[in-house]
Amino acid sequence: MSNRESILSEKEAHEARVASLIATISALKGEAEVSNFLRDLCTWGELEAMAQRWEVAQLVDEGVSYLEIARRTEMCIRDRPSTCRSRFFGPSFMPRTRSE
């Protein structure tokens, strides 16, 4: 197998794992099931990191400046580029948090 084929194979495997995770989360019914699933799957630190990213994403969606977000959350925005993907790549990365 060539290096290119190996990289493609790894990417396909990654995409399959992500798709499986998304399908599983989508099939969960209700907040309690989602909570139990995430608490079983993630460490406390991972849950806290996701909660912080979600907080930043909501502030970005509200139009709050990066400097103000950093002040409010005491987080370095530079370390959280994935929270802002939807602003540049569209809503497929993050559900909208407000009515448009």
Protein backbone atom coordinates (compact mmCIF):
# COMPACT_ATOMS: atom_id res chain seq x y z
CA MET A 1 0.00 0.00 0.00
CA SER A 2 1.38 3.42 -0.96
CA ASN A 3 1.65 6.31 1.49
CA ARG A 4 -1.21 8.09 -0.32
CA GLU A 5 -3.42 5.00 -0.12
CA SER A 6 -2.56 4.64 3.55
CA ILE A 7 -3.54 8.26 4.24
CA LEU A 8 -6.81 7.84 2.32
CA SER A 9 -7.51 4.62 4.17
CA GLU A 10 -6.91 6.32 7.53
CA LYS A 11 -9.14 9.24 6.52
CA GLU A 12 -11.92 6.86 5.48
CA ALA A 13 -11.61 4.97 8.76
CA HIS A 14 -11.74 8.25 10.70
CA GLU A 15 -14.80 9.40 8.74
CA ALA A 16 -16.51 6.05 9.39
CA ARG A 17 -15.86 6.33 13.15
CA VAL A 18 -17.18 9.90 13.22
CA ALA A 19 -20.25 8.91 11.19
CA SER A 20 -20.92 6.05 13.60
CA LEU A 21 -20.63 8.39 16.58
CA ILE A 22 -22.98 10.93 14.99
CA ALA A 23 -25.51 8.23 14.15
CA THR A 24 -25.38 6.93 17.71
CA ILE A 25 -25.85 10.37 19.25
CA SER A 26 -28.68 11.11 16.82
CA ALA A 27 -30.47 7.93 17.92
CA LEU A 28 -30.41 8.88 21.61
CA LYS A 29 -33.76 9.85 23.05
CA GLY A 30 -33.88 12.73 25.43
CA GLU A 31 -31.52 14.73 27.56
CA ALA A 32 -30.98 11.96 30.13
CA GLU A 33 -29.81 9.46 27.49
CA VAL A 34 -27.48 12.02 25.92
CA SER A 35 -26.10 12.96 29.34
CA ASN A 36 -25.50 9.33 30.31
CA PHE A 37 -23.88 8.58 26.95
CA LEU A 38 -21.51 11.56 27.12
CA ARG A 39 -20.61 10.88 30.75
CA ASP A 40 -19.81 7.25 29.87
CA LEU A 41 -17.83 8.20 26.78
CA CYS A 42 -15.92 11.29 27.93
CA THR A 43 -13.72 12.23 30.85
CA TRP A 44 -14.72 15.16 33.04
CA GLY A 45 -12.00 17.24 31.35
CA GLU A 46 -13.32 16.39 27.88
CA LEU A 47 -16.86 17.37 28.88
CA GLU A 48 -15.57 20.62 30.37
CA ALA A 49 -13.62 21.37 27.18
CA MET A 50 -16.74 20.78 25.06
CA ALA A 51 -18.81 22.96 27.38
CA GLN A 52 -16.24 25.76 27.07
CA ARG A 53 -16.18 25.44 23.29
CA TRP A 54 -19.97 25.55 23.25
CA GLU A 55 -19.92 28.72 25.37
CA VAL A 56 -17.47 30.36 22.96
CA ALA A 57 -19.48 29.22 19.92
CA GLN A 58 -22.64 30.78 21.35
CA LEU A 59 -20.84 34.07 22.00
CA VAL A 60 -19.39 34.07 18.47
CA ASP A 61 -22.87 33.39 17.12
CA GLU A 62 -24.16 36.39 19.10
CA GLY A 63 -21.54 38.56 17.41
CA VAL A 64 -19.42 39.12 20.53
CA SER A 65 -15.86 40.17 19.66
CA TYR A 66 -13.00 37.76 20.25
CA LEU A 67 -11.44 40.13 22.76
CA GLU A 68 -14.68 40.31 24.73
CA ILE A 69 -15.08 36.52 24.59
CA ALA A 70 -11.56 36.11 25.95
CA ARG A 71 -12.34 38.58 28.73
CA ARG A 72 -15.65 36.93 29.66
CA THR A 73 -14.48 33.33 29.49
CA GLU A 74 -10.81 33.75 30.44
CA MET A 75 -10.05 31.48 27.48
CA CYS A 76 -7.52 32.08 24.76
CA ILE A 77 -9.63 32.25 21.61
CA ARG A 78 -6.57 31.39 19.53
CA ASP A 79 -6.70 27.92 21.13
CA ARG A 80 -10.31 27.36 20.08
CA PRO A 81 -10.44 27.76 16.28
CA SER A 82 -12.82 24.82 15.86
CA THR A 83 -15.53 26.68 17.76
CA CYS A 84 -15.72 29.22 14.96
CA ARG A 85 -15.75 26.91 11.94
CA SER A 86 -19.43 27.47 11.27
CA ARG A 87 -18.79 31.20 10.82
CA PHE A 88 -16.49 30.40 7.90
CA PHE A 89 -17.68 27.03 6.59
CA GLY A 90 -21.42 27.11 7.17
CA PRO A 91 -23.90 25.60 9.60
CA SER A 92 -22.92 21.97 9.03
CA PHE A 93 -20.30 22.38 11.76
CA MET A 94 -22.58 23.75 14.48
CA PRO A 95 -26.31 24.06 15.03
CA ARG A 96 -27.57 27.61 15.07
CA THR A 97 -28.17 28.95 18.57
CA ARG A 98 -30.57 31.71 17.69
CA SER A 99 -33.39 32.43 15.29
CA GLU A 100 -32.39 34.13 12.08
